[in-house]
Protein backbone atom coordinates (compact mmCIF):
# COMPACT_ATOMS: atom_id res chain seq x y z
CA MET A 1 0.00 0.00 0.00
CA ILE A 2 2.86 2.36 0.83
CA SER A 3 4.50 1.67 -2.52
CA ILE A 4 1.34 2.64 -4.42
CA THR A 5 1.08 5.83 -2.36
CA LEU A 6 4.72 6.68 -3.08
CA ILE A 7 4.20 6.06 -6.79
CA ILE A 8 1.13 8.33 -6.83
CA VAL A 9 2.97 11.05 -4.88
CA GLY A 10 5.97 10.74 -7.23
CA ILE A 11 3.83 11.02 -10.35
CA SER A 12 1.95 14.03 -8.95
CA ILE A 13 5.23 15.76 -8.03
CA LEU A 14 6.52 15.05 -11.54
CA ILE A 15 3.39 16.55 -13.11
CA ILE A 16 3.51 19.62 -10.85
CA GLY A 17 7.21 20.09 -11.66
CA PHE A 18 6.52 19.87 -15.38
CA ILE A 19 3.69 22.43 -15.11
CA LEU A 20 5.90 24.81 -13.11
CA LEU A 21 8.76 24.42 -15.58
CA THR A 22 6.61 25.19 -18.62
CA SER A 23 4.97 28.19 -16.91
CA LEU A 24 8.39 29.58 -15.95
CA GLN A 25 9.61 29.14 -19.52
CA LYS A 26 6.55 30.99 -20.86
CA LEU A 27 7.07 33.74 -18.30
CA SER A 28 10.75 34.15 -19.21
CA ALA A 29 9.89 34.11 -22.93
CA SER A 30 7.31 36.87 -22.50
CA LYS A 31 9.79 38.88 -20.43
CA ARG A 32 12.38 38.41 -23.17
CA HIS A 33 9.87 39.51 -25.84
CA GLU A 34 9.02 42.63 -23.84
CA GLN A 35 12.72 43.47 -23.53
CA GLU A 36 13.21 42.97 -27.28
CA MET A 37 10.21 45.22 -27.98
CA GLU A 38 11.62 47.88 -25.65
CA ARG A 39 14.91 47.77 -27.58
CA LEU A 40 13.09 48.05 -30.92
CA MET A 41 11.11 51.01 -29.61
CA GLY A 42 14.31 52.70 -28.45
CA MET A 43 16.01 52.17 -31.80
CA ALA A 44 12.98 53.45 -33.72
CA ALA A 45 12.85 56.63 -31.66
CA ALA A 46 16.62 57.20 -31.45
CA ASP A 47 17.06 59.06 -34.71
CA GLY A 48 13.97 61.21 -34.24
CA VAL A 49 12.13 59.91 -37.31
CA PHE A 50 9.67 57.01 -37.25
CA THR A 51 9.76 55.56 -40.77
CA PRO A 52 7.04 53.44 -42.38
CA ASN A 53 9.41 50.45 -42.47
CA GLU A 54 10.01 50.76 -38.72
CA LYS A 55 6.25 50.94 -38.17
CA LYS A 56 5.71 47.77 -40.22
CA LEU A 57 8.44 45.87 -38.38
CA ILE A 58 7.23 46.88 -34.93
CA THR A 59 3.59 46.19 -35.80
CA LYS A 60 4.48 42.73 -37.12
CA PHE A 61 6.61 41.83 -34.08
CA SER A 62 4.07 43.13 -31.57
CA LYS A 63 1.28 41.14 -33.21
CA GLU A 64 3.44 38.01 -33.15
CA ILE A 65 4.06 38.29 -29.42
CA GLY A 66 0.52 39.40 -28.61
CA LEU A 67 1.07 43.02 -27.60
CA ASN A 68 -1.13 45.99 -28.45
CA HIS A 69 0.63 47.45 -31.50
CA LYS A 70 -1.41 50.67 -31.51
CA ALA A 71 -0.31 51.50 -27.96
CA ILE A 72 3.30 50.73 -28.87
CA LEU A 73 3.21 52.96 -31.97
CA LYS A 74 1.64 55.74 -29.90
CA SER A 75 4.37 55.34 -27.27
CA ILE A 76 7.10 55.63 -29.90
CA ASN A 77 5.52 58.76 -31.38
CA GLU A 78 5.36 60.28 -27.88
CA ARG A 79 9.03 59.47 -27.32
CA ILE A 80 9.95 61.20 -30.57
CA GLU A 81 7.85 64.25 -29.69
CA ASN A 82 9.59 64.49 -26.31
CA LEU A 83 13.08 64.44 -27.80
CA ASN A 84 14.89 67.70 -27.16
CA SER A 85 17.17 67.36 -30.14
CA LYS A 86 16.82 67.90 -33.85
CA PRO A 87 16.17 64.68 -35.84
CA GLU A 88 19.26 63.07 -37.34
CA THR A 89 17.41 62.19 -40.52
CA GLU A 90 14.58 63.61 -42.58
CA PHE A 91 12.07 62.38 -45.12
CA ILE A 92 12.78 63.35 -48.69
CA ASP A 93 9.87 63.89 -51.04
CA TYR A 94 11.59 63.06 -54.32
CA ASN A 95 8.87 64.70 -56.41
CA LYS A 96 9.30 67.98 -54.52
CA LYS A 97 13.09 67.66 -54.60
CA THR A 98 13.05 67.16 -58.37
CA GLY A 99 10.81 70.22 -58.79
CA ASP A 100 13.04 72.34 -56.53
CA ASP A 101 16.15 71.24 -58.43
CA PHE A 102 14.47 72.17 -61.71
CA GLU A 103 13.50 75.61 -60.35
CA ASP A 104 17.08 76.18 -59.17
CA PHE A 105 18.35 75.27 -62.62
CA ILE A 106 15.91 77.66 -64.35
CA VAL A 107 16.68 80.51 -61.93
CA GLN A 108 20.38 80.17 -62.72
CA LYS A 109 19.60 80.95 -66.38
CA PHE A 110 18.05 84.37 -65.63
CA ASN A 111 19.95 87.61 -65.18
CA LYS A 112 20.15 88.20 -61.40
CA LYS A 113 19.85 91.99 -61.63
CA PHE A 114 16.13 91.66 -62.55
CA PHE A 115 14.98 89.70 -59.46
CA THR A 116 15.83 88.61 -55.92
CA ILE A 117 15.57 85.02 -54.75
CA THR A 118 13.52 84.32 -51.64
CA GLU A 119 12.73 80.93 -50.12
């Protein structure tokens, strides 16, 4: 009778240990995912510009790990707004840039004594 009791106790301890182990692994994995997301958020906000590619990457990763991507994107935008420095990069509208370059080229062809350039 004692042997059966010991077997039952051993099996129950084994099952409890397995459940605890898997729950600890899930907990450490979620903690690791949150740390990775925090690093991604920091890198996205570091240069002061939140690009569409960064938004796609962060949205995809946050959906994969089950986090609220809208709250994360809002948090990154708030971080960028609270930066006290000028952005390291800027968006370039190539259509506007091409038009501005063309205007500069045309203006160079005119005699400068007939007009003044203002921007």
